Amino acid sequence: MIKTLHLTNAWHATSGGIATFYRALLTAANERGQRMRLIVPGESDAVEAAGKYGRIYFVRAPRAPLNSSYRILLPESFVGRGAAIRQILDEERPDLVEVCDKYTLPYLSGLLRQKWLLGSDFRPVTVGLSCERMDENFATYIGKGSVGATFSRVYMKWLYFPMFDHHIAVSQHTAEELIPASRGHKVRRGVWVCPMGVDCNRFRPDRRQEQLRRTLIGKSGGDERTTLLLYAGRLAAEKNLSLLVELMEHLPCDAENDYRLLIAGDGVMRASFEKLCEQRLPGRVRFLGHLPDREELASVYANADVFIHPNPREPFGIAPLEAMAAGLALVAPRSGGLLSYATDRNAWLGEADACTFAGLVRRIVACPDERRSKTELARTTAEQYGWPAVTARYLSLYESLYALCRGGQEVTAPHFYSTAGNRLGIEIRPAT
């Protein structure tokens, strides 16, 4: 079996989906007896054992400029003879290197492909894992408009897509950004769509217990009328958190209904978001903070009533999938990567605005039979995305991509291949 090495900047003590994915992948690699290494930014250099066959390297890195909750590995960490990542690669000599980052780490893959980093005797297969879209991140943190959209398209085609041998995207939504980037290249590259997953053994409906529910209601300041809404995730700009406040303002308390919001998570926006909630929704929002105990988090899921997912541009959405596994009614936008698994049959989908979301929440409360049938189907859906099956697919795909790049035959057909082009990036249409 091959040895794989993975790099990502999306990692810190309370990080969410990508860290959850890589820890699940490490678990699967250990069960399979496959060697796997992970390089992530840290406060200082360190090495963490992750089972018999896994290892996590922490490389000292500065704070990210646009989100200080994260640290960022810069090119200086792999360029130069004494650079930390270069030393790790020289020691580990992996067969396949995967990069989950669109900003500072793709250039490492380019150097490896050209055999410029460690010499001509070291040429691993390189894979780009798209867990986000650059155009959406640019719009969130830099600014919307045609300039940003044009920059993202140019960057993706000329500085991201050609750095790798092949690509994996976590959803159709993230893969769509790679379609224009893939047009007109001299080297043929495939793009595979592989979803992420959920721990169905941990997140399950039978965790719902009346005493635990009463405890949560007590924390929220509610009573027997209370409907508990839950948001779980990072508190960051791209999550569209303002919709949560606007939704609660459309769900006022009255003699029959009392809507309370629990927020499980942390992030760079926590202080300002707490202040906003206190100003506009005094006493109706309870911040639980980051819950490092996944068992406790699963109990919170199961004992709430409705999960609210406000982000219309979610790349995949592990948290909404966890809600479905826990038997929680899901209200979410009819857009983004969560449409990989969320439909009108197992969730309540609509436009990402407060009026629409409020109507969906009221419908859930008013229609218990519909709620029961949808949440049962949601659990069935989530079981199709259990981590054992998802991680097995990833590990098998890595083996297939390695064999393909070494002259073997394609085993799993990609979602699409890049099209042929000249040096100017202009597509060359095949003769008909």
Protein backbone atom coordinates (compact mmCIF):
# COMPACT_ATOMS: atom_id res chain seq x y z
CA MET A 1 0.00 0.00 0.00
CA ILE A 2 1.11 3.54 -0.70
CA LYS A 3 2.11 6.12 1.89
CA THR A 4 0.13 9.37 1.68
CA LEU A 5 1.00 12.79 3.08
CA HIS A 6 -1.60 15.55 3.46
CA LEU A 7 -1.22 19.27 4.12
CA THR A 8 -3.83 21.83 5.16
CA ASN A 9 -4.02 25.28 6.70
CA ALA A 10 -7.58 24.68 7.94
CA TRP A 11 -6.54 23.40 11.35
CA HIS A 12 -6.57 24.67 14.91
CA ALA A 13 -7.66 23.49 18.35
CA THR A 14 -11.35 24.14 17.67
CA SER A 15 -11.43 23.72 13.88
CA GLY A 16 -14.33 21.89 12.31
CA GLY A 17 -14.99 19.97 9.14
CA ILE A 18 -11.57 19.53 7.59
CA ALA A 19 -9.95 18.50 10.86
CA THR A 20 -12.84 16.09 11.47
CA PHE A 21 -12.28 14.60 8.00
CA TYR A 22 -8.54 14.10 8.43
CA ARG A 23 -8.91 12.53 11.87
CA ALA A 24 -11.49 10.12 10.43
CA LEU A 25 -9.10 9.39 7.55
CA LEU A 26 -6.29 8.67 10.03
CA THR A 27 -8.56 6.24 11.87
CA ALA A 28 -9.37 4.44 8.61
CA ALA A 29 -5.72 4.35 7.52
CA ASN A 30 -4.75 2.74 10.82
CA GLU A 31 -7.47 0.12 10.50
CA ARG A 32 -6.26 -0.59 6.99
CA GLY A 33 -2.58 -0.68 7.96
CA GLN A 34 -1.79 2.16 5.58
CA ARG A 35 0.83 4.79 6.40
CA MET A 36 -0.55 8.33 6.49
CA ARG A 37 1.07 11.62 7.46
CA LEU A 38 -0.56 15.00 8.06
CA ILE A 39 1.18 18.40 8.16
CA VAL A 40 -0.68 21.31 9.80
CA PRO A 41 0.28 24.74 11.15
CA GLY A 42 0.94 25.07 14.86
CA GLU A 43 2.21 27.40 17.53
CA SER A 44 5.46 25.44 17.60
CA ASP A 45 7.06 22.45 15.88
CA ALA A 46 5.78 19.16 17.24
CA VAL A 47 4.92 15.60 16.24
CA GLU A 48 1.81 13.73 17.39
CA ALA A 49 1.40 9.99 17.01
CA ALA A 50 -1.96 9.11 15.47
CA GLY A 51 -2.12 5.35 15.83
CA LYS A 52 0.39 2.78 14.65
CA TYR A 53 0.41 3.98 11.05
CA GLY A 54 -0.44 7.68 11.40
CA ARG A 55 1.48 10.79 12.34
CA ILE A 56 0.64 14.51 12.56
CA TYR A 57 3.39 17.07 12.09
CA PHE A 58 2.80 20.53 13.53
CA VAL A 59 4.95 23.18 11.86
CA ARG A 60 5.42 26.53 13.51
CA ALA A 61 3.42 29.13 11.60
CA PRO A 62 2.18 32.73 12.01
CA ARG A 63 -1.44 33.80 12.44
CA ALA A 64 -3.48 34.04 9.26
CA PRO A 65 -3.95 37.69 8.22
CA LEU A 66 -7.71 37.50 7.50
CA ASN A 67 -8.72 35.10 10.29
CA SER A 68 -6.50 35.13 13.35
CA SER A 69 -8.17 31.96 14.69
CA TYR A 70 -6.02 30.06 12.21
CA ARG A 71 -2.32 29.82 11.51
CA ILE A 72 -0.96 29.67 8.00
CA LEU A 73 1.92 27.71 6.49
CA LEU A 74 3.81 30.03 4.14
CA PRO A 75 6.15 29.08 1.27
CA GLU A 76 9.13 29.72 3.53
CA SER A 77 8.15 26.52 5.38
CA PHE A 78 9.02 24.42 2.31
CA VAL A 79 11.45 26.57 0.27
CA GLY A 80 15.09 26.36 1.33
CA ARG A 81 17.24 23.48 2.49
CA GLY A 82 16.42 23.87 6.17
CA ALA A 83 12.67 24.43 5.72
CA ALA A 84 10.55 22.27 8.03
CA ILE A 85 8.17 20.82 5.44
CA ARG A 86 11.01 20.08 3.06
CA GLN A 87 12.76 18.11 5.81
CA ILE A 88 9.59 16.16 6.58
CA LEU A 89 9.13 15.28 2.92
CA ASP A 90 12.75 14.21 2.62
CA GLU A 91 12.38 11.96 5.65
CA GLU A 92 8.95 10.50 4.83
CA ARG A 93 9.22 10.18 1.02
CA PRO A 94 5.46 9.72 0.50
CA ASP A 95 4.03 8.19 -2.65
CA LEU A 96 1.18 10.71 -2.85
CA VAL A 97 0.92 14.28 -1.53
CA GLU A 98 -2.48 15.91 -1.08
CA VAL A 99 -2.89 19.66 -0.50
CA CYS A 100 -6.10 21.03 0.99
CA ASP A 101 -5.45 24.75 0.51
CA LYS A 102 -5.81 27.26 -2.32
CA TYR A 103 -3.48 30.02 -1.21
CA THR A 104 0.01 29.28 0.09
CA LEU A 105 0.49 25.52 -0.30
CA PRO A 106 -0.36 24.70 -3.96
CA TYR A 107 3.10 25.94 -4.98
CA LEU A 108 4.60 23.07 -3.00
CA SER A 109 2.81 20.69 -5.34
CA GLY A 110 4.14 22.57 -8.36
CA LEU A 111 7.70 22.26 -7.09
CA LEU A 112 7.24 18.55 -6.49
CA ARG A 113 5.78 18.00 -9.95
CA GLN A 114 8.75 19.74 -11.55
CA LYS A 115 11.19 17.83 -9.31
CA TRP A 116 12.64 21.14 -8.11
CA LEU A 117 12.25 20.59 -4.38
CA LEU A 118 14.16 17.42 -3.55
CA GLY A 119 15.73 16.49 -6.85
CA SER A 120 14.87 14.22 -9.74
CA ASP A 121 14.66 11.06 -7.61
CA PHE A 122 11.57 12.23 -5.70
CA ARG A 123 8.36 12.75 -7.66
CA PRO A 124 5.20 11.88 -5.68
CA VAL A 125 1.75 12.01 -7.22
CA THR A 126 0.11 15.30 -6.20
CA VAL A 127 -3.59 15.87 -5.57
CA GLY A 128 -5.51 19.07 -4.85
CA LEU A 129 -8.43 18.65 -2.41
CA SER A 130 -11.05 21.41 -2.83
CA CYS A 131 -12.91 21.85 0.45
CA GLU A 132 -13.92 25.44 -0.32
CA ARG A 133 -14.35 27.84 -3.23
CA MET A 134 -11.93 30.67 -3.77
CA ASP A 135 -14.50 32.96 -5.40
CA GLU A 136 -16.76 32.73 -2.36
CA ASN A 137 -13.93 33.28 0.12
CA PHE A 138 -12.70 36.26 -1.89
CA ALA A 139 -16.18 37.78 -1.86
CA THR A 140 -16.47 37.29 1.90
CA TYR A 141 -13.08 38.58 3.03
CA ILE A 142 -11.91 40.91 0.25
CA GLY A 143 -14.97 42.16 -1.54
CA LYS A 144 -17.69 41.31 -4.02
CA GLY A 145 -17.79 42.48 -7.61
CA SER A 146 -16.47 41.71 -11.06
CA VAL A 147 -12.82 42.42 -10.15
CA GLY A 148 -12.80 39.75 -7.44
CA ALA A 149 -14.64 37.27 -9.63
CA THR A 150 -12.21 37.82 -12.49
CA PHE A 151 -9.19 37.50 -10.20
CA SER A 152 -10.54 34.22 -8.80
CA ARG A 153 -11.09 32.77 -12.28
CA VAL A 154 -7.61 33.72 -13.45
CA TYR A 155 -5.96 32.45 -10.26
CA MET A 156 -7.83 29.14 -10.35
CA LYS A 157 -6.95 28.47 -13.99
CA TRP A 158 -3.30 29.52 -14.03
CA LEU A 159 -2.04 29.28 -10.43
CA TYR A 160 -4.13 26.55 -8.82
CA PHE A 161 -5.46 23.98 -11.26
CA PRO A 162 -2.17 23.24 -13.12
CA MET A 163 -0.19 22.75 -9.88
CA PHE A 164 -1.56 19.23 -9.36
CA ASP A 165 -1.71 15.94 -11.19
CA HIS A 166 -5.40 15.54 -10.36
CA HIS A 167 -8.13 17.05 -8.20
CA ILE A 168 -10.75 15.96 -5.68
CA ALA A 169 -13.73 18.14 -4.71
CA VAL A 170 -15.96 17.49 -1.70
CA SER A 171 -19.19 18.37 -3.53
CA GLN A 172 -20.65 19.32 -6.87
CA HIS A 173 -20.75 22.89 -5.55
CA THR A 174 -16.99 23.05 -5.01
CA ALA A 175 -16.30 21.15 -8.24
CA GLU A 176 -18.18 23.76 -10.28
CA GLU A 177 -15.44 26.31 -9.66
CA LEU A 178 -12.95 23.89 -11.23
CA ILE A 179 -14.91 23.53 -14.49
CA PRO A 180 -13.84 26.86 -16.07
CA ALA A 181 -10.39 26.44 -14.51
CA SER A 182 -9.99 23.10 -16.29
CA ARG A 183 -10.57 24.37 -19.81
CA GLY A 184 -7.61 24.68 -22.16
CA HIS A 185 -4.63 22.86 -20.60
CA LYS A 186 -1.75 20.96 -22.18
CA VAL A 187 -1.81 18.33 -19.40
CA ARG A 188 -4.94 16.23 -18.92
CA ARG A 189 -6.22 16.24 -15.33
CA GLY A 190 -9.26 14.61 -13.78
CA VAL A 191 -11.60 15.97 -11.13
CA TRP A 192 -13.28 13.47 -8.80
CA VAL A 193 -16.17 14.41 -6.48
CA CYS A 194 -15.98 12.66 -3.11
CA PRO A 195 -18.29 13.77 -0.29
CA MET A 196 -17.30 14.01 3.33
CA GLY A 197 -19.05 12.06 6.08
CA VAL A 198 -20.55 11.76 9.53
CA ASP A 199 -20.10 9.66 12.64
CA CYS A 200 -23.45 7.87 12.73
CA ASN A 201 -22.47 5.86 15.81
CA ARG A 202 -22.05 9.05 17.81
CA PHE A 203 -24.73 11.26 16.31
CA ARG A 204 -27.98 9.33 16.65
CA PRO A 205 -31.62 9.97 17.67
CA ASP A 206 -31.68 7.69 20.71
CA ARG A 207 -29.54 10.19 22.61
CA ARG A 208 -32.69 12.25 23.10
CA GLN A 209 -33.63 12.08 26.78
CA GLU A 210 -36.18 14.16 28.62
CA GLN A 211 -33.83 15.08 31.47
CA LEU A 212 -31.08 16.24 29.09
CA ARG A 213 -33.61 18.24 27.13
CA ARG A 214 -34.88 19.95 30.29
CA THR A 215 -31.29 20.81 31.17
CA LEU A 216 -30.76 22.44 27.79
CA ILE A 217 -34.03 24.34 28.06
CA GLY A 218 -32.93 25.56 31.48
CA LYS A 219 -29.65 26.81 30.04
CA SER A 220 -31.56 28.65 27.33
CA GLY A 221 -33.87 30.35 29.82
CA GLY A 222 -36.94 28.66 28.33
CA ASP A 223 -39.92 26.72 29.68
CA GLU A 224 -42.42 24.06 28.59
CA ARG A 225 -43.37 26.15 25.53
CA THR A 226 -39.82 26.28 24.25
CA THR A 227 -38.68 25.17 20.81
CA LEU A 228 -34.90 24.81 20.88
CA LEU A 229 -33.09 25.96 17.75
CA LEU A 230 -29.43 24.99 17.34
CA TYR A 231 -26.53 26.33 15.31
CA ALA A 232 -23.24 24.43 15.49
CA GLY A 233 -20.16 25.64 13.68
CA ARG A 234 -17.46 28.25 13.46
CA LEU A 235 -18.34 31.86 14.21
CA ALA A 236 -16.78 33.39 11.11
CA ALA A 237 -17.79 35.83 8.39
CA GLU A 238 -18.44 33.22 5.70
CA LYS A 239 -21.10 31.49 7.83
CA ASN A 240 -23.76 34.21 7.30
CA LEU A 241 -24.44 34.48 11.03
CA SER A 242 -26.58 37.61 10.73
CA LEU A 243 -29.38 35.41 9.37
CA LEU A 244 -29.62 33.72 12.79
CA VAL A 245 -30.38 37.05 14.46
CA GLU A 246 -32.89 38.08 11.81
CA LEU A 247 -34.59 34.68 12.05
CA MET A 248 -35.05 34.97 15.81
CA GLU A 249 -36.55 38.43 15.37
CA HIS A 250 -39.15 36.82 13.07
CA LEU A 251 -39.93 34.24 15.78
CA PRO A 252 -41.07 36.34 18.74
CA CYS A 253 -42.18 34.82 22.01
CA ASP A 254 -45.92 34.78 22.73
CA ALA A 255 -48.40 32.98 24.96
CA GLU A 256 -48.09 29.74 23.00
CA ASN A 257 -44.58 29.74 21.57
CA ASP A 258 -41.11 30.41 22.89
CA TYR A 259 -38.17 30.10 20.52
CA ARG A 260 -34.66 29.91 21.93
CA LEU A 261 -31.34 29.62 20.07
CA LEU A 262 -28.34 27.61 21.22
CA ILE A 263 -24.98 28.30 19.57
CA ALA A 264 -22.29 25.63 19.84
CA GLY A 265 -18.99 26.83 18.44
CA ASP A 266 -16.31 29.48 18.61
CA GLY A 267 -14.41 31.69 16.24
CA VAL A 268 -13.03 35.09 15.43
CA MET A 269 -16.51 36.68 15.42
CA ARG A 270 -17.69 35.38 18.77
CA ALA A 271 -17.29 38.56 20.82
CA SER A 272 -18.98 40.82 18.27
CA PHE A 273 -21.73 38.29 17.58
CA GLU A 274 -22.48 37.82 21.27
CA LYS A 275 -22.78 41.58 21.65
CA LEU A 276 -25.14 41.78 18.68
CA CYS A 277 -27.35 39.00 20.05
CA GLU A 278 -27.51 40.63 23.47
CA GLN A 279 -28.53 43.94 21.92
CA ARG A 280 -31.21 42.59 19.60
CA LEU A 281 -32.25 39.33 21.30
CA PRO A 282 -31.67 39.82 25.03
CA GLY A 283 -31.94 36.54 26.94
CA ARG A 284 -32.99 34.45 23.91
CA VAL A 285 -29.59 33.21 22.71
CA ARG A 286 -27.26 31.00 24.74
CA PHE A 287 -23.62 30.55 23.67
CA LEU A 288 -22.28 27.12 24.61
CA GLY A 289 -18.80 27.79 23.20
CA HIS A 290 -16.65 25.14 21.58
CA LEU A 291 -17.59 21.67 22.86
CA PRO A 292 -14.42 19.56 22.63
CA ASP A 293 -16.23 16.49 23.98
CA ARG A 294 -17.91 15.06 20.88
CA GLU A 295 -20.23 12.97 23.07
CA GLU A 296 -21.54 16.12 24.72
CA LEU A 297 -21.97 17.78 21.33
CA ALA A 298 -23.93 14.78 20.04
CA SER A 299 -26.25 15.00 23.07
CA VAL A 300 -26.86 18.68 22.39
CA TYR A 301 -27.82 17.85 18.80
CA ALA A 302 -30.23 15.09 19.78
CA ASN A 303 -31.99 17.14 22.46
CA ALA A 304 -32.60 20.27 20.40
CA ASP A 305 -35.59 20.55 18.04
CA VAL A 306 -34.42 22.31 14.89
CA PHE A 307 -30.96 22.78 13.39
CA ILE A 308 -30.51 26.10 11.59
CA HIS A 309 -27.84 26.25 8.90
CA PRO A 310 -27.61 29.84 7.59
CA ASN A 311 -24.76 29.59 5.06
CA PRO A 312 -26.00 29.53 1.42
CA ARG A 313 -22.48 28.83 0.13
CA GLU A 314 -21.48 25.89 2.31
CA PRO A 315 -18.82 23.79 0.51
CA PHE A 316 -20.23 20.53 1.97
CA GLY A 317 -21.50 20.92 5.51
CA ILE A 318 -20.60 18.22 8.03
CA ALA A 319 -22.59 19.92 10.81
CA PRO A 320 -25.95 19.76 8.96
CA LEU A 321 -25.25 16.12 8.14
CA GLU A 322 -24.57 15.46 11.84
CA ALA A 323 -27.94 17.06 12.61
CA MET A 324 -29.66 14.71 10.19
CA ALA A 325 -27.88 11.73 11.75
CA ALA A 326 -29.04 12.88 15.21
CA GLY A 327 -32.69 12.99 14.15
CA LEU A 328 -32.84 16.78 14.20
CA ALA A 329 -35.03 18.72 11.76
CA LEU A 330 -32.77 20.63 9.37
CA VAL A 331 -33.59 24.11 8.04
CA ALA A 332 -31.08 25.19 5.40
CA PRO A 333 -30.67 27.17 2.17
CA ARG A 334 -31.55 25.51 -1.10
CA SER A 335 -27.98 25.98 -2.34
CA GLY A 336 -24.36 25.01 -1.72
CA GLY A 337 -22.69 21.71 -1.08
CA LEU A 338 -25.24 20.42 1.41
CA LEU A 339 -27.51 19.69 -1.55
CA SER A 340 -25.25 16.64 -1.92
CA TYR A 341 -27.47 15.02 0.71
CA ALA A 342 -30.25 17.46 1.75
CA THR A 343 -33.49 17.41 -0.26
CA ASP A 344 -37.12 18.42 0.22
CA ARG A 345 -37.80 14.86 1.38
CA ASN A 346 -35.38 14.88 4.34
CA ALA A 347 -34.97 18.57 5.21
CA TRP A 348 -36.71 21.94 5.10
CA LEU A 349 -35.02 23.97 2.36
CA GLY A 350 -35.64 27.51 1.15
CA GLU A 351 -34.15 30.88 0.32
CA ALA A 352 -31.60 32.10 2.86
CA ASP A 353 -33.72 34.89 4.31
CA ALA A 354 -35.32 35.33 7.72
CA CYS A 355 -38.93 35.29 6.55
CA THR A 356 -38.52 32.00 4.66
CA PHE A 357 -36.58 30.33 7.46
CA ALA A 358 -39.15 31.48 10.06
CA GLY A 359 -41.95 29.95 7.99
CA LEU A 360 -40.06 26.65 7.78
CA VAL A 361 -39.48 26.58 11.55
CA ARG A 362 -43.17 27.24 12.22
CA ARG A 363 -44.10 24.46 9.80
CA ILE A 364 -41.86 22.00 11.64
CA VAL A 365 -43.56 22.85 14.93
CA ALA A 366 -47.07 22.72 13.44
CA CYS A 367 -46.68 19.47 11.47
CA PRO A 368 -45.33 16.70 13.74
CA ASP A 369 -46.14 13.90 11.30
CA GLU A 370 -44.17 15.55 8.51
CA ARG A 371 -41.36 16.21 10.93
CA ARG A 372 -41.24 12.57 11.98
CA SER A 373 -41.22 11.21 8.43
CA LYS A 374 -38.57 13.65 7.21
CA THR A 375 -36.22 13.15 10.15
CA GLU A 376 -36.49 9.37 9.81
CA LEU A 377 -35.50 9.64 6.16
CA ALA A 378 -32.76 12.08 7.12
CA ARG A 379 -31.24 9.49 9.42
CA THR A 380 -31.35 6.92 6.61
CA THR A 381 -29.65 9.41 4.31
CA ALA A 382 -26.92 10.18 6.85
CA GLU A 383 -26.16 6.48 7.23
CA GLN A 384 -25.12 6.45 3.56
CA TYR A 385 -22.36 8.95 4.47
CA GLY A 386 -20.90 7.13 7.47
CA TRP A 387 -17.18 7.74 7.89
CA PRO A 388 -16.11 4.10 7.32
CA ALA A 389 -17.56 4.08 3.79
CA VAL A 390 -16.46 7.64 2.98
CA THR A 391 -12.86 7.21 4.14
CA ALA A 392 -12.57 3.84 2.40
CA ARG A 393 -13.54 5.57 -0.82
CA TYR A 394 -10.87 8.25 -0.33
CA LEU A 395 -8.13 5.74 0.47
CA SER A 396 -9.06 3.63 -2.54
CA LEU A 397 -9.12 6.70 -4.77
CA TYR A 398 -5.61 7.67 -3.62
CA GLU A 399 -4.41 4.21 -4.62
CA SER A 400 -6.13 4.54 -8.01
CA LEU A 401 -4.69 8.01 -8.69
CA TYR A 402 -1.22 6.78 -7.79
CA ALA A 403 -1.56 3.84 -10.16
CA LEU A 404 -3.04 6.06 -12.90
CA CYS A 405 -0.12 8.50 -12.71
CA ARG A 406 2.30 5.59 -12.84
CA GLY A 407 0.88 4.34 -16.10
CA GLY A 408 -1.97 2.20 -14.84
CA GLN A 409 -5.55 2.20 -16.03
CA GLU A 410 -8.31 4.41 -14.69
CA VAL A 411 -10.33 2.54 -12.06
CA THR A 412 -12.88 5.14 -11.00
CA ALA A 413 -14.11 7.52 -13.67
CA PRO A 414 -13.72 11.21 -12.74
CA HIS A 415 -16.53 13.71 -12.62
CA PHE A 416 -14.85 15.39 -15.58
CA TYR A 417 -11.47 15.80 -17.28
CA SER A 418 -9.76 19.02 -18.25
CA THR A 419 -9.93 20.00 -21.91
CA ALA A 420 -6.95 20.36 -24.25
CA GLY A 421 -5.49 23.79 -24.94
CA ASN A 422 -2.47 25.69 -26.20
CA ARG A 423 0.07 27.71 -24.22
CA LEU A 424 -2.37 30.65 -24.08
CA GLY A 425 -4.99 28.52 -22.38
CA ILE A 426 -7.27 28.50 -25.40
CA GLU A 427 -9.23 25.30 -25.84
CA ILE A 428 -8.36 23.11 -28.79
CA ARG A 429 -11.50 21.44 -30.00
CA PRO A 430 -11.08 17.89 -31.28
CA ALA A 431 -11.76 17.36 -34.95
CA THR A 432 -15.21 16.01 -35.72
